[in-house]
């Protein structure tokens, strides 16, 4: 549940419009990383 709260805070920061370009890059990196980890876990569960 903490993760949803985290993304909510991140979203409000983005709406505030004060996120620096490098912060956007970091956020995108975290999102991509989470998706990749989720996909790998799903594949391991399905084929493991």
PDB file of N, CA and C in Angstrom:
ATOM      1  N   UNK A   1       0.838  -1.205   0.000  1.00  0.00           N
ATOM      2  CA  UNK A   1       0.000   0.000   0.000  1.00  0.00           C
ATOM      3  C   UNK A   1       0.872   1.254   0.000  1.00  0.00           C
ATOM      4  N   UNK A   2       2.063   1.143   0.572  1.00  0.00           N
ATOM      5  CA  UNK A   2       2.967   2.287   0.633  1.00  0.00           C
ATOM      6  C   UNK A   2       3.385   2.748  -0.758  1.00  0.00           C
ATOM      7  N   UNK A   3       3.474   1.785  -1.683  1.00  0.00           N
ATOM      8  CA  UNK A   3       3.931   2.127  -3.035  1.00  0.00           C
ATOM      9  C   UNK A   3       2.916   3.032  -3.735  1.00  0.00           C
ATOM     10  N   UNK A   4       1.625   2.718  -3.578  1.00  0.00           N
ATOM     11  CA  UNK A   4       0.583   3.538  -4.202  1.00  0.00           C
ATOM     12  C   UNK A   4       0.651   4.959  -3.656  1.00  0.00           C
ATOM     13  N   UNK A   5       0.882   5.077  -2.355  1.00  0.00           N
ATOM     14  CA  UNK A   5       0.991   6.394  -1.721  1.00  0.00           C
ATOM     15  C   UNK A   5       2.188   7.142  -2.308  1.00  0.00           C
ATOM     16  N   UNK A   6       3.288   6.398  -2.513  1.00  0.00           N
ATOM     17  CA  UNK A   6       4.504   6.979  -3.081  1.00  0.00           C
ATOM     18  C   UNK A   6       4.214   7.541  -4.473  1.00  0.00           C
ATOM     19  N   UNK A   7       3.542   6.749  -5.300  1.00  0.00           N
ATOM     20  CA  UNK A   7       3.247   7.193  -6.657  1.00  0.00           C
ATOM     21  C   UNK A   7       2.276   8.362  -6.640  1.00  0.00           C
ATOM     22  N   UNK A   8       1.358   8.364  -5.668  1.00  0.00           N
ATOM     23  CA  UNK A   8       0.428   9.485  -5.538  1.00  0.00           C
ATOM     24  C   UNK A   8       1.190  10.768  -5.264  1.00  0.00           C
ATOM     25  N   UNK A   9       2.175  10.682  -4.370  1.00  0.00           N
ATOM     26  CA  UNK A   9       2.984  11.855  -4.039  1.00  0.00           C
ATOM     27  C   UNK A   9       3.788  12.291  -5.262  1.00  0.00           C
ATOM     28  N   UNK A  10       4.323  11.313  -5.984  1.00  0.00           N
ATOM     29  CA  UNK A  10       5.108  11.597  -7.177  1.00  0.00           C
ATOM     30  C   UNK A  10       4.220  12.275  -8.220  1.00  0.00           C
ATOM     31  N   UNK A  11       3.001  11.781  -8.363  1.00  0.00           N
ATOM     32  CA  UNK A  11       2.066  12.346  -9.331  1.00  0.00           C
ATOM     33  C   UNK A  11       1.731  13.788  -9.003  1.00  0.00           C
ATOM     34  N   UNK A  12       1.529  14.090  -7.715  1.00  0.00           N
ATOM     35  CA  UNK A  12       1.210  15.467  -7.331  1.00  0.00           C
ATOM     36  C   UNK A  12       2.410  16.365  -7.598  1.00  0.00           C
ATOM     37  N   UNK A  13       3.619  15.822  -7.418  1.00  0.00           N
ATOM     38  CA  UNK A  13       4.831  16.601  -7.694  1.00  0.00           C
ATOM     39  C   UNK A  13       4.893  16.916  -9.188  1.00  0.00           C
ATOM     40  N   UNK A  14       4.532  15.917 -10.027  1.00  0.00           N
ATOM     41  CA  UNK A  14       4.548  16.124 -11.473  1.00  0.00           C
ATOM     42  C   UNK A  14       3.500  17.157 -11.867  1.00  0.00           C
ATOM     43  N   UNK A  15       2.313  17.072 -11.235  1.00  0.00           N
ATOM     44  CA  UNK A  15       1.263  18.048 -11.529  1.00  0.00           C
ATOM     45  C   UNK A  15       1.697  19.440 -11.094  1.00  0.00           C
ATOM     46  N   UNK A  16       2.478  19.502  -9.992  1.00  0.00           N
ATOM     47  CA  UNK A  16       2.980  20.791  -9.513  1.00  0.00           C
ATOM     48  C   UNK A  16       3.888  21.439 -10.545  1.00  0.00           C
ATOM     49  N   UNK A  17       4.509  20.610 -11.395  1.00  0.00           N
ATOM     50  CA  UNK A  17       5.321  21.126 -12.482  1.00  0.00           C
ATOM     51  C   UNK A  17       6.706  21.585 -12.066  1.00  0.00           C
ATOM     52  N   UNK A  18       7.157  21.164 -10.880  1.00  0.00           N
ATOM     53  CA  UNK A  18       8.489  21.598 -10.441  1.00  0.00           C
ATOM     54  C   UNK A  18       9.497  20.457 -10.467  1.00  0.00           C
ATOM     55  N   UNK A  19       9.176  19.393 -11.221  1.00  0.00           N
ATOM     56  CA  UNK A  19      10.092  18.256 -11.320  1.00  0.00           C
ATOM     57  C   UNK A  19      11.164  18.579 -12.358  1.00  0.00           C
ATOM     58  N   UNK A  20      12.408  18.457 -11.948  1.00  0.00           N
ATOM     59  CA  UNK A  20      13.521  18.746 -12.852  1.00  0.00           C
ATOM     60  C   UNK A  20      13.665  17.620 -13.879  1.00  0.00           C
ATOM     61  N   UNK A  21      14.274  17.930 -15.038  1.00  0.00           N
ATOM     62  CA  UNK A  21      14.459  16.897 -16.075  1.00  0.00           C
ATOM     63  C   UNK A  21      15.156  15.647 -15.555  1.00  0.00           C
ATOM     64  N   UNK A  22      16.193  15.821 -14.725  1.00  0.00           N
ATOM     65  CA  UNK A  22      16.904  14.637 -14.220  1.00  0.00           C
ATOM     66  C   UNK A  22      16.009  13.841 -13.292  1.00  0.00           C
ATOM     67  N   UNK A  23      15.113  14.523 -12.554  1.00  0.00           N
ATOM     68  CA  UNK A  23      14.195  13.799 -11.669  1.00  0.00           C
ATOM     69  C   UNK A  23      13.211  12.979 -12.497  1.00  0.00           C
ATOM     70  N   UNK A  24      12.773  13.573 -13.625  1.00  0.00           N
ATOM     71  CA  UNK A  24      11.868  12.841 -14.506  1.00  0.00           C
ATOM     72  C   UNK A  24      12.548  11.579 -15.008  1.00  0.00           C
ATOM     73  N   UNK A  25      13.840  11.721 -15.338  1.00  0.00           N
ATOM     74  CA  UNK A  25      14.608  10.583 -15.839  1.00  0.00           C
ATOM     75  C   UNK A  25      14.691   9.503 -14.766  1.00  0.00           C
ATOM     76  N   UNK A  26      14.931   9.930 -13.519  1.00  0.00           N
ATOM     77  CA  UNK A  26      15.034   8.982 -12.402  1.00  0.00           C
ATOM     78  C   UNK A  26      13.702   8.276 -12.190  1.00  0.00           C
ATOM     79  N   UNK A  27      12.599   9.054 -12.222  1.00  0.00           N
ATOM     80  CA  UNK A  27      11.267   8.464 -12.030  1.00  0.00           C
ATOM     81  C   UNK A  27      10.987   7.451 -13.135  1.00  0.00           C
ATOM     82  N   UNK A  28      11.301   7.836 -14.383  1.00  0.00           N
ATOM     83  CA  UNK A  28      11.070   6.922 -15.505  1.00  0.00           C
ATOM     84  C   UNK A  28      11.909   5.663 -15.329  1.00  0.00           C
ATOM     85  N   UNK A  29      13.140   5.835 -14.851  1.00  0.00           N
ATOM     86  CA  UNK A  29      14.011   4.683 -14.616  1.00  0.00           C
ATOM     87  C   UNK A  29      13.412   3.728 -13.599  1.00  0.00           C
ATOM     88  N   UNK A  30      12.849   4.318 -12.511  1.00  0.00           N
ATOM     89  CA  UNK A  30      12.234   3.473 -11.487  1.00  0.00           C
ATOM     90  C   UNK A  30      11.033   2.726 -12.058  1.00  0.00           C
ATOM     91  N   UNK A  31      10.212   3.429 -12.847  1.00  0.00           N
ATOM     92  CA  UNK A  31       9.022   2.802 -13.428  1.00  0.00           C
ATOM     93  C   UNK A  31       9.423   1.664 -14.361  1.00  0.00           C
ATOM     94  N   UNK A  32      10.397   1.929 -15.242  1.00  0.00           N
ATOM     95  CA  UNK A  32      10.862   0.895 -16.181  1.00  0.00           C
ATOM     96  C   UNK A  32      11.435  -0.286 -15.412  1.00  0.00           C
ATOM     97  N   UNK A  33      12.224   0.000 -14.375  1.00  0.00           N
ATOM     98  CA  UNK A  33      12.809  -1.066 -13.560  1.00  0.00           C
ATOM     99  C   UNK A  33      11.738  -1.923 -12.912  1.00  0.00           C
ATOM    100  N   UNK A  34      10.701  -1.263 -12.376  1.00  0.00           N
ATOM    101  CA  UNK A  34       9.618  -1.994 -11.719  1.00  0.00           C
ATOM    102  C   UNK A  34       8.898  -2.892 -12.720  1.00  0.00           C
ATOM    103  N   UNK A  35       8.661  -2.370 -13.928  1.00  0.00           N
ATOM    104  CA  UNK A  35       7.977  -3.154 -14.963  1.00  0.00           C
ATOM    105  C   UNK A  35       8.824  -4.358 -15.356  1.00  0.00           C
ATOM    106  N   UNK A  36      10.129  -4.143 -15.539  1.00  0.00           N
ATOM    107  CA  UNK A  36      11.031  -5.229 -15.930  1.00  0.00           C
ATOM    108  C   UNK A  36      11.068  -6.300 -14.847  1.00  0.00           C
ATOM    109  N   UNK A  37      11.213  -5.878 -13.594  1.00  0.00           N
ATOM    110  CA  UNK A  37      11.258  -6.837 -12.484  1.00  0.00           C
ATOM    111  C   UNK A  37       9.951  -7.616 -12.413  1.00  0.00           C
ATOM    112  N   UNK A  38       8.830  -6.903 -12.581  1.00  0.00           N
ATOM    113  CA  UNK A  38       7.526  -7.571 -12.551  1.00  0.00           C
ATOM    114  C   UNK A  38       7.402  -8.600 -13.664  1.00  0.00           C
ATOM    115  N   UNK A  39       7.854  -8.233 -14.869  1.00  0.00           N
ATOM    116  CA  UNK A  39       7.765  -9.149 -16.005  1.00  0.00           C
ATOM    117  C   UNK A  39       8.637 -10.378 -15.773  1.00  0.00           C
ATOM    118  N   UNK A  40       9.852 -10.164 -15.263  1.00  0.00           N
ATOM    119  CA  UNK A  40      10.767 -11.282 -15.003  1.00  0.00           C
ATOM    120  C   UNK A  40      10.173 -12.211 -13.952  1.00  0.00           C
ATOM    121  N   UNK A  41       9.610 -11.632 -12.889  1.00  0.00           N
ATOM    122  CA  UNK A  41       8.991 -12.452 -11.835  1.00  0.00           C
ATOM    123  C   UNK A  41       7.832 -13.261 -12.412  1.00  0.00           C
ATOM    124  N   UNK A  42       7.010 -12.625 -13.237  1.00  0.00           N
ATOM    125  CA  UNK A  42       5.870 -13.320 -13.838  1.00  0.00           C
ATOM    126  C   UNK A  42       6.351 -14.481 -14.698  1.00  0.00           C
ATOM    127  N   UNK A  43       7.395 -14.245 -15.494  1.00  0.00           N
ATOM    128  CA  UNK A  43       7.930 -15.304 -16.352  1.00  0.00           C
ATOM    129  C   UNK A  43       8.479 -16.448 -15.513  1.00  0.00           C
ATOM    130  N   UNK A  44       9.182 -16.107 -14.425  1.00  0.00           N
ATOM    131  CA  UNK A  44       9.743 -17.148 -13.560  1.00  0.00           C
ATOM    132  C   UNK A  44       8.629 -17.974 -12.932  1.00  0.00           C
ATOM    133  N   UNK A  45       7.559 -17.300 -12.514  1.00  0.00           N
ATOM    134  CA  UNK A  45       6.437 -18.010 -11.891  1.00  0.00           C
ATOM    135  C   UNK A  45       5.758 -18.915 -12.920  1.00  0.00           C
ATOM    136  N   UNK A  46       5.579 -18.401 -14.140  1.00  0.00           N
ATOM    137  CA  UNK A  46       4.880 -19.170 -15.173  1.00  0.00           C
ATOM    138  C   UNK A  46       5.708 -20.356 -15.664  1.00  0.00           C
ATOM    139  N   UNK A  47       7.013 -20.132 -15.859  1.00  0.00           N
ATOM    140  CA  UNK A  47       7.847 -21.175 -16.457  1.00  0.00           C
ATOM    141  C   UNK A  47       8.766 -21.875 -15.467  1.00  0.00           C
ATOM    142  N   UNK A  48       8.837 -21.361 -14.243  1.00  0.00           N
ATOM    143  CA  UNK A  48       9.736 -21.912 -13.224  1.00  0.00           C
ATOM    144  C   UNK A  48       9.292 -23.283 -12.816  1.00  0.00           C
TER     145      UNK A  48
END
